[in-house]
């Protein structure tokens, strides 16, 4: 089983697969939820442009989490003026 990158953007669940990014489409009533190709639905970007954009967003979110963890290790010091 592959390790799948997932994230949420404005309430939209996204995942990265070998084929590109997909979003979770919630089924209506008894229809099941399905993963759909994000590159054909989300705009104004499309195709590889959207895949690259979401890759960069995922990397930025991961970097933000890293920096937040690092900052928590070092409590804020009072500034001396």
N, C-alpha and C. Protein backbone atom coordinates (compact mmCIF):
# COMPACT_ATOMS: atom_id res chain seq x y z
N UNK A 1 0.85 -1.18 0.00
CA UNK A 1 0.00 0.00 0.00
C UNK A 1 0.89 1.24 0.00
N UNK A 2 0.56 2.22 -0.80
CA UNK A 2 1.35 3.44 -0.92
C UNK A 2 0.93 4.45 0.15
N UNK A 3 1.90 5.26 0.55
CA UNK A 3 1.62 6.33 1.48
C UNK A 3 1.02 7.49 0.69
N UNK A 4 -0.25 7.81 0.94
CA UNK A 4 -0.96 8.82 0.17
C UNK A 4 -0.92 10.16 0.91
N UNK A 5 -0.55 11.21 0.21
CA UNK A 5 -0.55 12.55 0.76
C UNK A 5 -1.98 13.08 0.72
N UNK A 6 -2.47 13.57 1.85
CA UNK A 6 -3.82 14.13 1.91
C UNK A 6 -3.77 15.50 2.57
N UNK A 7 -4.75 16.33 2.26
CA UNK A 7 -4.90 17.62 2.92
C UNK A 7 -6.32 18.11 2.72
N UNK A 8 -6.66 19.12 3.51
CA UNK A 8 -7.98 19.74 3.38
C UNK A 8 -7.78 21.22 3.05
N UNK A 9 -8.50 21.69 2.05
CA UNK A 9 -8.43 23.09 1.64
C UNK A 9 -9.85 23.63 1.60
N UNK A 10 -10.13 24.58 2.48
CA UNK A 10 -11.47 25.18 2.55
C UNK A 10 -12.58 24.14 2.62
N UNK A 11 -12.38 23.11 3.42
CA UNK A 11 -13.39 22.08 3.60
C UNK A 11 -13.39 20.99 2.54
N UNK A 12 -12.53 21.13 1.53
CA UNK A 12 -12.46 20.15 0.45
C UNK A 12 -11.34 19.15 0.75
N UNK A 13 -11.68 17.87 0.83
CA UNK A 13 -10.70 16.83 1.08
C UNK A 13 -9.97 16.50 -0.21
N UNK A 14 -8.63 16.54 -0.16
CA UNK A 14 -7.81 16.24 -1.33
C UNK A 14 -6.82 15.14 -1.01
N UNK A 15 -6.46 14.36 -2.02
CA UNK A 15 -5.42 13.35 -1.87
C UNK A 15 -4.60 13.29 -3.15
N UNK A 16 -3.32 12.95 -2.97
CA UNK A 16 -2.40 12.82 -4.11
C UNK A 16 -2.22 11.34 -4.40
N UNK A 17 -2.48 10.94 -5.63
CA UNK A 17 -2.28 9.56 -6.05
C UNK A 17 -1.23 9.53 -7.15
N UNK A 18 -0.91 8.37 -7.65
CA UNK A 18 0.04 8.25 -8.75
C UNK A 18 -0.47 8.97 -10.01
N UNK A 19 -1.78 9.07 -10.15
CA UNK A 19 -2.38 9.71 -11.33
C UNK A 19 -2.52 11.22 -11.17
N UNK A 20 -2.35 11.76 -9.97
CA UNK A 20 -2.52 13.18 -9.72
C UNK A 20 -3.43 13.41 -8.52
N UNK A 21 -3.89 14.64 -8.37
CA UNK A 21 -4.73 15.01 -7.23
C UNK A 21 -6.19 14.65 -7.48
N UNK A 22 -6.86 14.23 -6.40
CA UNK A 22 -8.28 13.91 -6.44
C UNK A 22 -8.96 14.62 -5.28
N UNK A 23 -10.25 14.92 -5.44
CA UNK A 23 -11.03 15.48 -4.35
C UNK A 23 -12.15 14.50 -4.00
N UNK A 24 -12.59 14.55 -2.74
CA UNK A 24 -13.65 13.66 -2.30
C UNK A 24 -15.00 14.29 -2.59
N UNK A 25 -15.77 13.62 -3.42
CA UNK A 25 -17.13 14.05 -3.75
C UNK A 25 -18.10 13.26 -2.88
N UNK A 26 -18.85 13.97 -2.05
CA UNK A 26 -19.78 13.30 -1.16
C UNK A 26 -21.00 12.83 -1.94
N UNK A 27 -21.35 11.57 -1.72
CA UNK A 27 -22.51 11.01 -2.40
C UNK A 27 -23.81 11.59 -1.88
N UNK A 28 -24.81 11.61 -2.72
CA UNK A 28 -26.12 12.12 -2.36
C UNK A 28 -26.98 10.97 -1.85
N UNK A 29 -27.62 11.16 -0.68
CA UNK A 29 -28.49 10.16 -0.06
C UNK A 29 -27.72 8.86 0.15
N UNK A 30 -28.09 7.80 -0.56
CA UNK A 30 -27.44 6.51 -0.33
C UNK A 30 -26.26 6.25 -1.27
N UNK A 31 -25.97 7.22 -2.16
CA UNK A 31 -24.82 7.06 -3.05
C UNK A 31 -23.53 7.16 -2.24
N UNK A 32 -22.54 6.35 -2.57
CA UNK A 32 -21.28 6.39 -1.81
C UNK A 32 -20.45 7.62 -2.18
N UNK A 33 -19.57 8.03 -1.25
CA UNK A 33 -18.59 9.08 -1.56
C UNK A 33 -17.60 8.52 -2.57
N UNK A 34 -17.13 9.36 -3.48
CA UNK A 34 -16.16 8.90 -4.48
C UNK A 34 -15.04 9.92 -4.63
N UNK A 35 -13.87 9.43 -5.01
CA UNK A 35 -12.73 10.29 -5.28
C UNK A 35 -12.75 10.62 -6.76
N UNK A 36 -12.69 11.92 -7.09
CA UNK A 36 -12.77 12.38 -8.48
C UNK A 36 -11.50 13.13 -8.86
N UNK A 37 -11.19 13.11 -10.14
CA UNK A 37 -10.02 13.82 -10.66
C UNK A 37 -10.18 15.32 -10.44
N UNK A 38 -9.27 15.90 -9.68
CA UNK A 38 -9.36 17.33 -9.38
C UNK A 38 -8.96 18.20 -10.56
N UNK A 39 -8.13 17.68 -11.44
CA UNK A 39 -7.61 18.51 -12.54
C UNK A 39 -8.67 18.86 -13.56
N UNK A 40 -9.72 18.09 -13.65
CA UNK A 40 -10.76 18.39 -14.63
C UNK A 40 -11.89 19.22 -14.04
N UNK A 41 -11.90 19.38 -12.71
CA UNK A 41 -13.03 20.04 -12.06
C UNK A 41 -12.68 21.37 -11.43
N UNK A 42 -11.54 21.43 -10.78
CA UNK A 42 -11.17 22.64 -10.04
C UNK A 42 -10.52 23.64 -10.98
N UNK A 43 -10.97 24.86 -10.96
CA UNK A 43 -10.40 25.87 -11.84
C UNK A 43 -10.00 27.09 -11.05
N UNK A 44 -9.37 28.04 -11.66
CA UNK A 44 -9.19 28.22 -13.08
C UNK A 44 -8.03 27.41 -13.65
N UNK A 45 -7.28 26.73 -12.79
CA UNK A 45 -6.17 25.91 -13.26
C UNK A 45 -6.70 24.57 -13.73
N UNK A 46 -5.92 23.88 -14.55
CA UNK A 46 -6.33 22.55 -14.97
C UNK A 46 -5.11 21.71 -15.30
N UNK A 47 -5.33 20.43 -15.42
CA UNK A 47 -4.26 19.51 -15.82
C UNK A 47 -3.06 19.55 -14.89
N UNK A 48 -1.87 19.49 -15.49
CA UNK A 48 -0.64 19.48 -14.70
C UNK A 48 -0.45 20.75 -13.89
N UNK A 49 -0.97 21.86 -14.38
CA UNK A 49 -0.87 23.12 -13.64
C UNK A 49 -1.49 23.01 -12.26
N UNK A 50 -2.65 22.37 -12.17
CA UNK A 50 -3.31 22.18 -10.89
C UNK A 50 -2.52 21.21 -10.03
N UNK A 51 -2.02 20.14 -10.63
CA UNK A 51 -1.21 19.18 -9.87
C UNK A 51 0.00 19.88 -9.26
N UNK A 52 0.69 20.70 -10.02
CA UNK A 52 1.86 21.41 -9.51
C UNK A 52 1.47 22.40 -8.41
N UNK A 53 0.37 23.09 -8.61
CA UNK A 53 -0.10 24.06 -7.62
C UNK A 53 -0.41 23.36 -6.29
N UNK A 54 -1.12 22.24 -6.35
CA UNK A 54 -1.46 21.51 -5.13
C UNK A 54 -0.23 20.87 -4.50
N UNK A 55 0.74 20.43 -5.31
CA UNK A 55 2.00 19.91 -4.77
C UNK A 55 2.71 20.99 -3.96
N UNK A 56 2.76 22.21 -4.50
CA UNK A 56 3.41 23.32 -3.81
C UNK A 56 2.66 23.69 -2.53
N UNK A 57 1.33 23.67 -2.58
CA UNK A 57 0.54 23.96 -1.38
C UNK A 57 0.79 22.91 -0.30
N UNK A 58 0.83 21.65 -0.68
CA UNK A 58 1.10 20.58 0.28
C UNK A 58 2.49 20.74 0.89
N UNK A 59 3.48 21.08 0.07
CA UNK A 59 4.84 21.29 0.58
C UNK A 59 4.89 22.48 1.54
N UNK A 60 4.17 23.55 1.21
CA UNK A 60 4.13 24.72 2.08
C UNK A 60 3.48 24.40 3.42
N UNK A 61 2.40 23.62 3.39
CA UNK A 61 1.74 23.22 4.63
C UNK A 61 2.66 22.34 5.49
N UNK A 62 3.40 21.45 4.85
CA UNK A 62 4.34 20.59 5.59
C UNK A 62 5.45 21.43 6.21
N UNK A 63 5.96 22.40 5.46
CA UNK A 63 7.01 23.29 5.98
C UNK A 63 6.49 24.12 7.14
N UNK A 64 5.26 24.61 7.03
CA UNK A 64 4.66 25.38 8.12
C UNK A 64 4.57 24.54 9.39
N UNK A 65 4.16 23.28 9.24
CA UNK A 65 4.06 22.38 10.40
C UNK A 65 5.44 22.16 11.02
N UNK A 66 6.47 21.98 10.18
CA UNK A 66 7.84 21.81 10.67
C UNK A 66 8.27 23.03 11.48
N UNK A 67 8.04 24.21 10.93
CA UNK A 67 8.46 25.44 11.61
C UNK A 67 7.69 25.65 12.90
N UNK A 68 6.42 25.32 12.91
CA UNK A 68 5.62 25.44 14.12
C UNK A 68 6.15 24.52 15.20
N UNK A 69 6.49 23.28 14.83
CA UNK A 69 7.06 22.34 15.80
C UNK A 69 8.38 22.86 16.35
N UNK A 70 9.20 23.43 15.48
CA UNK A 70 10.50 23.96 15.91
C UNK A 70 10.31 25.14 16.86
N UNK A 71 9.39 26.04 16.53
CA UNK A 71 9.15 27.21 17.38
C UNK A 71 8.64 26.82 18.75
N UNK A 72 7.88 25.72 18.83
CA UNK A 72 7.37 25.27 20.12
C UNK A 72 8.49 24.79 21.04
N UNK A 73 9.62 24.41 20.47
CA UNK A 73 10.76 23.97 21.27
C UNK A 73 11.46 25.14 21.95
N UNK A 74 11.30 26.33 21.38
CA UNK A 74 11.98 27.51 21.90
C UNK A 74 10.95 28.54 22.34
N UNK A 75 10.68 28.60 23.66
CA UNK A 75 9.68 29.57 24.12
C UNK A 75 10.14 31.01 23.84
N UNK A 76 9.18 31.87 23.65
CA UNK A 76 9.49 33.26 23.36
C UNK A 76 10.20 33.91 24.54
N UNK A 77 11.24 34.64 24.23
CA UNK A 77 12.02 35.35 25.25
C UNK A 77 11.56 36.81 25.26
N UNK A 78 11.48 37.40 26.44
CA UNK A 78 11.11 38.82 26.47
C UNK A 78 12.19 39.67 25.79
N UNK A 79 11.76 40.66 25.10
CA UNK A 79 12.71 41.54 24.39
C UNK A 79 13.17 42.63 25.33
N UNK A 80 14.45 42.84 25.32
CA UNK A 80 15.04 43.91 26.12
C UNK A 80 15.29 45.09 25.21
N UNK A 81 14.71 46.22 25.56
CA UNK A 81 14.88 47.42 24.75
C UNK A 81 15.87 48.36 25.37
